[in-house]
Amino acid sequence: MSLREELCYKAHQMEVEEDFYSYEFSNDEDLPVYKDSEELFAALRQKEDEVLLAAQVGNALLMENRQLKEERDAHHDKYTQQLE
């Protein structure tokens, strides 16, 4: 393997390591214990609802951001024309 290939490989490996990491629970953390499958399914449904809500909030923020950028650009164009 050439030096160039080795450096590219190491750079790619570093990118992968930064993107993915393992998570280990410490013994100090209290993990929830579910008595039966119904409790577990209820908790999973709640988490799913929270994820969906977070996605909706994220989409709303993206749309608002896009709108604000368009307004900013319109104001910029307007004031640029006034200065000319």
PDB file of N, CA and C in Angstrom:
ATOM      1  N   MET A   1       0.850  -1.169   0.000  1.00  0.00           N
ATOM      2  CA  MET A   1       0.000   0.000   0.000  1.00  0.00           C
ATOM      3  C   MET A   1       0.895   1.232   0.000  1.00  0.00           C
ATOM      4  N   SER A   2       0.613   2.147  -0.922  1.00  0.00           N
ATOM      5  CA  SER A   2       1.418   3.358  -1.009  1.00  0.00           C
ATOM      6  C   SER A   2       1.087   4.293   0.153  1.00  0.00           C
ATOM      7  N   LEU A   3       1.946   5.265   0.337  1.00  0.00           N
ATOM      8  CA  LEU A   3       1.741   6.226   1.421  1.00  0.00           C
ATOM      9  C   LEU A   3       0.432   6.985   1.217  1.00  0.00           C
ATOM     10  N   ARG A   4       0.155   7.349  -0.033  1.00  0.00           N
ATOM     11  CA  ARG A   4      -1.085   8.069  -0.343  1.00  0.00           C
ATOM     12  C   ARG A   4      -2.300   7.225   0.012  1.00  0.00           C
ATOM     13  N   GLU A   5      -2.293   5.971  -0.387  1.00  0.00           N
ATOM     14  CA  GLU A   5      -3.412   5.078  -0.085  1.00  0.00           C
ATOM     15  C   GLU A   5      -3.565   4.888   1.419  1.00  0.00           C
ATOM     16  N   GLU A   6      -2.433   4.771   2.103  1.00  0.00           N
ATOM     17  CA  GLU A   6      -2.468   4.583   3.553  1.00  0.00           C
ATOM     18  C   GLU A   6      -3.054   5.806   4.250  1.00  0.00           C
ATOM     19  N   LEU A   7      -2.662   7.004   3.799  1.00  0.00           N
ATOM     20  CA  LEU A   7      -3.192   8.225   4.400  1.00  0.00           C
ATOM     21  C   LEU A   7      -4.684   8.373   4.121  1.00  0.00           C
ATOM     22  N   CYS A   8      -5.100   8.046   2.895  1.00  0.00           N
ATOM     23  CA  CYS A   8      -6.530   8.104   2.563  1.00  0.00           C
ATOM     24  C   CYS A   8      -7.312   7.116   3.410  1.00  0.00           C
ATOM     25  N   TYR A   9      -6.751   5.934   3.593  1.00  0.00           N
ATOM     26  CA  TYR A   9      -7.417   4.913   4.399  1.00  0.00           C
ATOM     27  C   TYR A   9      -7.546   5.385   5.841  1.00  0.00           C
ATOM     28  N   LYS A  10      -6.461   5.938   6.382  1.00  0.00           N
ATOM     29  CA  LYS A  10      -6.497   6.415   7.768  1.00  0.00           C
ATOM     30  C   LYS A  10      -7.485   7.566   7.926  1.00  0.00           C
ATOM     31  N   ALA A  11      -7.531   8.475   6.940  1.00  0.00           N
ATOM     32  CA  ALA A  11      -8.475   9.589   7.008  1.00  0.00           C
ATOM     33  C   ALA A  11      -9.906   9.073   6.974  1.00  0.00           C
ATOM     34  N   HIS A  12     -10.162   8.114   6.097  1.00  0.00           N
ATOM     35  CA  HIS A  12     -11.508   7.538   6.015  1.00  0.00           C
ATOM     36  C   HIS A  12     -11.854   6.820   7.317  1.00  0.00           C
ATOM     37  N   GLN A  13     -10.902   6.112   7.870  1.00  0.00           N
ATOM     38  CA  GLN A  13     -11.137   5.387   9.118  1.00  0.00           C
ATOM     39  C   GLN A  13     -11.453   6.370  10.245  1.00  0.00           C
ATOM     40  N   MET A  14     -10.773   7.508  10.273  1.00  0.00           N
ATOM     41  CA  MET A  14     -11.038   8.510  11.299  1.00  0.00           C
ATOM     42  C   MET A  14     -12.441   9.078  11.142  1.00  0.00           C
ATOM     43  N   GLU A  15     -12.873   9.308   9.885  1.00  0.00           N
ATOM     44  CA  GLU A  15     -14.220   9.821   9.654  1.00  0.00           C
ATOM     45  C   GLU A  15     -15.253   8.841  10.175  1.00  0.00           C
ATOM     46  N   VAL A  16     -15.051   7.568   9.895  1.00  0.00           N
ATOM     47  CA  VAL A  16     -16.001   6.548  10.334  1.00  0.00           C
ATOM     48  C   VAL A  16     -16.032   6.486  11.847  1.00  0.00           C
ATOM     49  N   GLU A  17     -14.875   6.558  12.471  1.00  0.00           N
ATOM     50  CA  GLU A  17     -14.822   6.494  13.925  1.00  0.00           C
ATOM     51  C   GLU A  17     -15.504   7.700  14.558  1.00  0.00           C
ATOM     52  N   GLU A  18     -15.450   8.858  13.885  1.00  0.00           N
ATOM     53  CA  GLU A  18     -16.108  10.037  14.424  1.00  0.00           C
ATOM     54  C   GLU A  18     -17.619   9.943  14.283  1.00  0.00           C
ATOM     55  N   ASP A  19     -18.078   9.304  13.219  1.00  0.00           N
ATOM     56  CA  ASP A  19     -19.513   9.214  12.971  1.00  0.00           C
ATOM     57  C   ASP A  19     -20.193   8.156  13.824  1.00  0.00           C
ATOM     58  N   PHE A  20     -19.494   7.084  14.098  1.00  0.00           N
ATOM     59  CA  PHE A  20     -20.085   5.973  14.824  1.00  0.00           C
ATOM     60  C   PHE A  20     -19.275   5.700  16.086  1.00  0.00           C
ATOM     61  N   TYR A  21     -19.962   5.550  17.161  1.00  0.00           N
ATOM     62  CA  TYR A  21     -19.279   5.207  18.401  1.00  0.00           C
ATOM     63  C   TYR A  21     -20.187   4.302  19.208  1.00  0.00           C
ATOM     64  N   SER A  22     -19.574   3.496  19.981  1.00  0.00           N
ATOM     65  CA  SER A  22     -20.374   2.599  20.809  1.00  0.00           C
ATOM     66  C   SER A  22     -20.690   3.301  22.119  1.00  0.00           C
ATOM     67  N   TYR A  23     -21.790   2.926  22.686  1.00  0.00           N
ATOM     68  CA  TYR A  23     -22.201   3.501  23.961  1.00  0.00           C
ATOM     69  C   TYR A  23     -22.309   2.377  24.967  1.00  0.00           C
ATOM     70  N   GLU A  24     -21.654   2.561  26.066  1.00  0.00           N
ATOM     71  CA  GLU A  24     -21.716   1.555  27.113  1.00  0.00           C
ATOM     72  C   GLU A  24     -22.349   2.188  28.343  1.00  0.00           C
ATOM     73  N   PHE A  25     -23.310   1.491  28.920  1.00  0.00           N
ATOM     74  CA  PHE A  25     -23.939   1.975  30.136  1.00  0.00           C
ATOM     75  C   PHE A  25     -23.004   1.723  31.310  1.00  0.00           C
ATOM     76  N   SER A  26     -22.916   2.714  32.157  1.00  0.00           N
ATOM     77  CA  SER A  26     -22.124   2.506  33.366  1.00  0.00           C
ATOM     78  C   SER A  26     -23.006   1.823  34.401  1.00  0.00           C
ATOM     79  N   ASN A  27     -22.385   1.263  35.372  1.00  0.00           N
ATOM     80  CA  ASN A  27     -23.129   0.572  36.425  1.00  0.00           C
ATOM     81  C   ASN A  27     -23.933   1.543  37.285  1.00  0.00           C
ATOM     82  N   ASP A  28     -23.556   2.821  37.237  1.00  0.00           N
ATOM     83  CA  ASP A  28     -24.243   3.819  38.051  1.00  0.00           C
ATOM     84  C   ASP A  28     -25.588   4.234  37.459  1.00  0.00           C
ATOM     85  N   GLU A  29     -25.773   3.996  36.162  1.00  0.00           N
ATOM     86  CA  GLU A  29     -27.008   4.425  35.511  1.00  0.00           C
ATOM     87  C   GLU A  29     -28.149   3.475  35.845  1.00  0.00           C
ATOM     88  N   ASP A  30     -29.272   4.070  36.150  1.00  0.00           N
ATOM     89  CA  ASP A  30     -30.463   3.269  36.411  1.00  0.00           C
ATOM     90  C   ASP A  30     -31.234   3.105  35.112  1.00  0.00           C
ATOM     91  N   LEU A  31     -31.226   1.920  34.579  1.00  0.00           N
ATOM     92  CA  LEU A  31     -31.965   1.637  33.363  1.00  0.00           C
ATOM     93  C   LEU A  31     -33.391   1.272  33.734  1.00  0.00           C
ATOM     94  N   PRO A  32     -34.346   1.722  32.929  1.00  0.00           N
ATOM     95  CA  PRO A  32     -35.730   1.380  33.262  1.00  0.00           C
ATOM     96  C   PRO A  32     -35.966  -0.122  33.143  1.00  0.00           C
ATOM     97  N   VAL A  33     -36.713  -0.636  34.081  1.00  0.00           N
ATOM     98  CA  VAL A  33     -37.065  -2.057  34.067  1.00  0.00           C
ATOM     99  C   VAL A  33     -38.573  -2.130  33.887  1.00  0.00           C
ATOM    100  N   TYR A  34     -38.991  -2.845  32.865  1.00  0.00           N
ATOM    101  CA  TYR A  34     -40.414  -2.952  32.568  1.00  0.00           C
ATOM    102  C   TYR A  34     -40.937  -4.283  33.084  1.00  0.00           C
ATOM    103  N   LYS A  35     -42.083  -4.223  33.729  1.00  0.00           N
ATOM    104  CA  LYS A  35     -42.654  -5.422  34.342  1.00  0.00           C
ATOM    105  C   LYS A  35     -43.206  -6.391  33.312  1.00  0.00           C
ATOM    106  N   ASP A  36     -43.793  -5.837  32.253  1.00  0.00           N
ATOM    107  CA  ASP A  36     -44.340  -6.721  31.227  1.00  0.00           C
ATOM    108  C   ASP A  36     -44.199  -6.062  29.857  1.00  0.00           C
ATOM    109  N   SER A  37     -44.578  -6.791  28.846  1.00  0.00           N
ATOM    110  CA  SER A  37     -44.409  -6.295  27.485  1.00  0.00           C
ATOM    111  C   SER A  37     -45.303  -5.092  27.205  1.00  0.00           C
ATOM    112  N   GLU A  38     -46.440  -4.989  27.865  1.00  0.00           N
ATOM    113  CA  GLU A  38     -47.334  -3.844  27.655  1.00  0.00           C
ATOM    114  C   GLU A  38     -46.664  -2.545  28.092  1.00  0.00           C
ATOM    115  N   GLU A  39     -45.967  -2.583  29.214  1.00  0.00           N
ATOM    116  CA  GLU A  39     -45.232  -1.398  29.680  1.00  0.00           C
ATOM    117  C   GLU A  39     -44.155  -1.017  28.680  1.00  0.00           C
ATOM    118  N   LEU A  40     -43.457  -2.017  28.184  1.00  0.00           N
ATOM    119  CA  LEU A  40     -42.402  -1.769  27.207  1.00  0.00           C
ATOM    120  C   LEU A  40     -42.981  -1.160  25.939  1.00  0.00           C
ATOM    121  N   PHE A  41     -44.070  -1.724  25.430  1.00  0.00           N
ATOM    122  CA  PHE A  41     -44.686  -1.199  24.214  1.00  0.00           C
ATOM    123  C   PHE A  41     -45.212   0.219  24.428  1.00  0.00           C
ATOM    124  N   ALA A  42     -45.755   0.492  25.606  1.00  0.00           N
ATOM    125  CA  ALA A  42     -46.233   1.845  25.909  1.00  0.00           C
ATOM    126  C   ALA A  42     -45.066   2.833  25.914  1.00  0.00           C
ATOM    127  N   ALA A  43     -43.945   2.423  26.504  1.00  0.00           N
ATOM    128  CA  ALA A  43     -42.762   3.287  26.527  1.00  0.00           C
ATOM    129  C   ALA A  43     -42.232   3.509  25.117  1.00  0.00           C
ATOM    130  N   LEU A  44     -42.233   2.461  24.298  1.00  0.00           N
ATOM    131  CA  LEU A  44     -41.773   2.597  22.916  1.00  0.00           C
ATOM    132  C   LEU A  44     -42.691   3.511  22.111  1.00  0.00           C
ATOM    133  N   ARG A  45     -44.001   3.388  22.330  1.00  0.00           N
ATOM    134  CA  ARG A  45     -44.947   4.269  21.635  1.00  0.00           C
ATOM    135  C   ARG A  45     -44.719   5.725  22.046  1.00  0.00           C
ATOM    136  N   GLN A  46     -44.465   5.941  23.330  1.00  0.00           N
ATOM    137  CA  GLN A  46     -44.210   7.297  23.803  1.00  0.00           C
ATOM    138  C   GLN A  46     -42.938   7.856  23.168  1.00  0.00           C
ATOM    139  N   LYS A  47     -41.889   7.043  23.121  1.00  0.00           N
ATOM    140  CA  LYS A  47     -40.641   7.488  22.501  1.00  0.00           C
ATOM    141  C   LYS A  47     -40.852   7.784  21.023  1.00  0.00           C
ATOM    142  N   GLU A  48     -41.633   6.940  20.349  1.00  0.00           N
ATOM    143  CA  GLU A  48     -41.919   7.161  18.932  1.00  0.00           C
ATOM    144  C   GLU A  48     -42.668   8.477  18.741  1.00  0.00           C
ATOM    145  N   ASP A  49     -43.642   8.748  19.612  1.00  0.00           N
ATOM    146  CA  ASP A  49     -44.375  10.012  19.547  1.00  0.00           C
ATOM    147  C   ASP A  49     -43.438  11.195  19.758  1.00  0.00           C
ATOM    148  N   GLU A  50     -42.496  11.048  20.688  1.00  0.00           N
ATOM    149  CA  GLU A  50     -41.537  12.122  20.952  1.00  0.00           C
ATOM    150  C   GLU A  50     -40.635  12.357  19.747  1.00  0.00           C
ATOM    151  N   VAL A  51     -40.219  11.278  19.093  1.00  0.00           N
ATOM    152  CA  VAL A  51     -39.368  11.404  17.906  1.00  0.00           C
ATOM    153  C   VAL A  51     -40.142  12.078  16.778  1.00  0.00           C
ATOM    154  N   LEU A  52     -41.401  11.684  16.588  1.00  0.00           N
ATOM    155  CA  LEU A  52     -42.222  12.304  15.547  1.00  0.00           C
ATOM    156  C   LEU A  52     -42.438  13.787  15.831  1.00  0.00           C
ATOM    157  N   LEU A  53     -42.685  14.127  17.084  1.00  0.00           N
ATOM    158  CA  LEU A  53     -42.851  15.526  17.455  1.00  0.00           C
ATOM    159  C   LEU A  53     -41.565  16.310  17.199  1.00  0.00           C
ATOM    160  N   ALA A  54     -40.437  15.726  17.555  1.00  0.00           N
ATOM    161  CA  ALA A  54     -39.151  16.387  17.312  1.00  0.00           C
ATOM    162  C   ALA A  54     -38.930  16.598  15.819  1.00  0.00           C
ATOM    163  N   ALA A  55     -39.315  15.624  15.001  1.00  0.00           N
ATOM    164  CA  ALA A  55     -39.178  15.761  13.549  1.00  0.00           C
ATOM    165  C   ALA A  55     -40.080  16.873  13.029  1.00  0.00           C
ATOM    166  N   GLN A  56     -41.297  16.961  13.546  1.00  0.00           N
ATOM    167  CA  GLN A  56     -42.212  18.020  13.122  1.00  0.00           C
ATOM    168  C   GLN A  56     -41.685  19.396  13.519  1.00  0.00           C
ATOM    169  N   VAL A  57     -41.157  19.501  14.723  1.00  0.00           N
ATOM    170  CA  VAL A  57     -40.583  20.772  15.170  1.00  0.00           C
ATOM    171  C   VAL A  57     -39.385  21.131  14.295  1.00  0.00           C
ATOM    172  N   GLY A  58     -38.551  20.144  13.995  1.00  0.00           N
ATOM    173  CA  GLY A  58     -37.396  20.386  13.135  1.00  0.00           C
ATOM    174  C   GLY A  58     -37.807  20.859  11.756  1.00  0.00           C
ATOM    175  N   ASN A  59     -38.819  20.226  11.176  1.00  0.00           N
ATOM    176  CA  ASN A  59     -39.303  20.651   9.862  1.00  0.00           C
ATOM    177  C   ASN A  59     -39.877  22.057   9.913  1.00  0.00           C
ATOM    178  N   ALA A  60     -40.615  22.366  10.968  1.00  0.00           N
ATOM    179  CA  ALA A  60     -41.177  23.709  11.106  1.00  0.00           C
ATOM    180  C   ALA A  60     -40.063  24.749  11.207  1.00  0.00           C
ATOM    181  N   LEU A  61     -39.013  24.429  11.947  1.00  0.00           N
ATOM    182  CA  LEU A  61     -37.883  25.353  12.068  1.00  0.00           C
ATOM    183  C   LEU A  61     -37.166  25.535  10.738  1.00  0.00           C
ATOM    184  N   LEU A  62     -37.016  24.451   9.985  1.00  0.00           N
ATOM    185  CA  LEU A  62     -36.388  24.556   8.669  1.00  0.00           C
ATOM    186  C   LEU A  62     -37.211  25.432   7.734  1.00  0.00           C
ATOM    187  N   MET A  63     -38.525  25.256   7.753  1.00  0.00           N
ATOM    188  CA  MET A  63     -39.388  26.070   6.901  1.00  0.00           C
ATOM    189  C   MET A  63     -39.328  27.539   7.301  1.00  0.00           C
ATOM    190  N   GLU A  64     -39.345  27.804   8.607  1.00  0.00           N
ATOM    191  CA  GLU A  64     -39.256  29.184   9.083  1.00  0.00           C
ATOM    192  C   GLU A  64     -37.912  29.794   8.708  1.00  0.00           C
ATOM    193  N   ASN A  65     -36.855  29.013   8.825  1.00  0.00           N
ATOM    194  CA  ASN A  65     -35.527  29.488   8.465  1.00  0.00           C
ATOM    195  C   ASN A  65     -35.471  29.839   6.980  1.00  0.00           C
ATOM    196  N   ARG A  66     -36.055  28.974   6.148  1.00  0.00           N
ATOM    197  CA  ARG A  66     -36.077  29.225   4.706  1.00  0.00           C
ATOM    198  C   ARG A  66     -36.850  30.508   4.403  1.00  0.00           C
ATOM    199  N   GLN A  67     -37.984  30.697   5.082  1.00  0.00           N
ATOM    200  CA  GLN A  67     -38.789  31.895   4.877  1.00  0.00           C
ATOM    201  C   GLN A  67     -38.017  33.146   5.302  1.00  0.00           C
ATOM    202  N   LEU A  68     -37.341  33.074   6.434  1.00  0.00           N
ATOM    203  CA  LEU A  68     -36.567  34.220   6.906  1.00  0.00           C
ATOM    204  C   LEU A  68     -35.428  34.555   5.946  1.00  0.00           C
ATOM    205  N   LYS A  69     -34.796  33.534   5.380  1.00  0.00           N
ATOM    206  CA  LYS A  69     -33.735  33.786   4.404  1.00  0.00           C
ATOM    207  C   LYS A  69     -34.286  34.462   3.162  1.00  0.00           C
ATOM    208  N   GLU A  70     -35.464  34.014   2.715  1.00  0.00           N
ATOM    209  CA  GLU A  70     -36.080  34.645   1.546  1.00  0.00           C
ATOM    210  C   GLU A  70     -36.426  36.102   1.837  1.00  0.00           C
ATOM    211  N   GLU A  71     -36.959  36.378   3.024  1.00  0.00           N
ATOM    212  CA  GLU A  71     -37.270  37.756   3.406  1.00  0.00           C
ATOM    213  C   GLU A  71     -36.003  38.598   3.488  1.00  0.00           C
ATOM    214  N   ARG A  72     -34.958  38.031   4.054  1.00  0.00           N
ATOM    215  CA  ARG A  72     -33.684  38.753   4.153  1.00  0.00           C
ATOM    216  C   ARG A  72     -33.156  39.091   2.772  1.00  0.00           C
ATOM    217  N   ASP A  73     -33.212  38.111   1.862  1.00  0.00           N
ATOM    218  CA  ASP A  73     -32.742  38.354   0.501  1.00  0.00           C
ATOM    219  C   ASP A  73     -33.575  39.428  -0.190  1.00  0.00           C
ATOM    220  N   ALA A  74     -34.896  39.408   0.030  1.00  0.00           N
ATOM    221  CA  ALA A  74     -35.766  40.419  -0.571  1.00  0.00           C
ATOM    222  C   ALA A  74     -35.423  41.805  -0.032  1.00  0.00           C
ATOM    223  N   HIS A  75     -35.215  41.911   1.291  1.00  0.00           N
ATOM    224  CA  HIS A  75     -34.830  43.197   1.883  1.00  0.00           C
ATOM    225  C   HIS A  75     -33.467  43.639   1.359  1.00  0.00           C
ATOM    226  N   HIS A  76     -32.559  42.714   1.233  1.00  0.00           N
ATOM    227  CA  HIS A  76     -31.227  43.038   0.725  1.00  0.00           C
ATOM    228  C   HIS A  76     -31.326  43.593  -0.687  1.00  0.00           C
ATOM    229  N   ASP A  77     -32.099  42.925  -1.534  1.00  0.00           N
ATOM    230  CA  ASP A  77     -32.262  43.396  -2.917  1.00  0.00           C
ATOM    231  C   ASP A  77     -32.921  44.771  -2.949  1.00  0.00           C
ATOM    232  N   LYS A  78     -33.929  44.969  -2.105  1.00  0.00           N
ATOM    233  CA  LYS A  78     -34.647  46.244  -2.069  1.00  0.00           C
ATOM    234  C   LYS A  78     -33.714  47.382  -1.675  1.00  0.00           C
ATOM    235  N   TYR A  79     -32.939  47.173  -0.617  1.00  0.00           N
ATOM    236  CA  TYR A  79     -32.056  48.240  -0.149  1.00  0.00           C
ATOM    237  C   TYR A  79     -30.856  48.431  -1.067  1.00  0.00           C
ATOM    238  N   THR A  80     -30.434  47.388  -1.730  1.00  0.00           N
ATOM    239  CA  THR A  80     -29.350  47.525  -2.702  1.00  0.00           C
ATOM    240  C   THR A  80     -29.803  48.389  -3.864  1.00  0.00           C
ATOM    241  N   GLN A  81     -31.035  48.170  -4.322  1.00  0.00           N
ATOM    242  CA  GLN A  81     -31.572  48.982  -5.418  1.00  0.00           C
ATOM    243  C   GLN A  81     -31.744  50.431  -4.988  1.00  0.00           C
ATOM    244  N   GLN A  82     -32.150  50.659  -3.748  1.00  0.00           N
ATOM    245  CA  GLN A  82     -32.319  52.026  -3.260  1.00  0.00           C
ATOM    246  C   GLN A  82     -30.984  52.754  -3.178  1.00  0.00           C
ATOM    247  N   LEU A  83     -29.918  52.018  -2.853  1.00  0.00           N
ATOM    248  CA  LEU A  83     -28.604  52.648  -2.744  1.00  0.00           C
ATOM    249  C   LEU A  83     -28.027  52.995  -4.107  1.00  0.00           C
ATOM    250  N   GLU A  84     -28.432  52.249  -5.118  1.00  0.00           N
ATOM    251  CA  GLU A  84     -27.912  52.520  -6.467  1.00  0.00           C
ATOM    252  C   GLU A  84     -28.615  53.690  -7.029  1.00  0.00           C
TER     253      GLU A  84
END
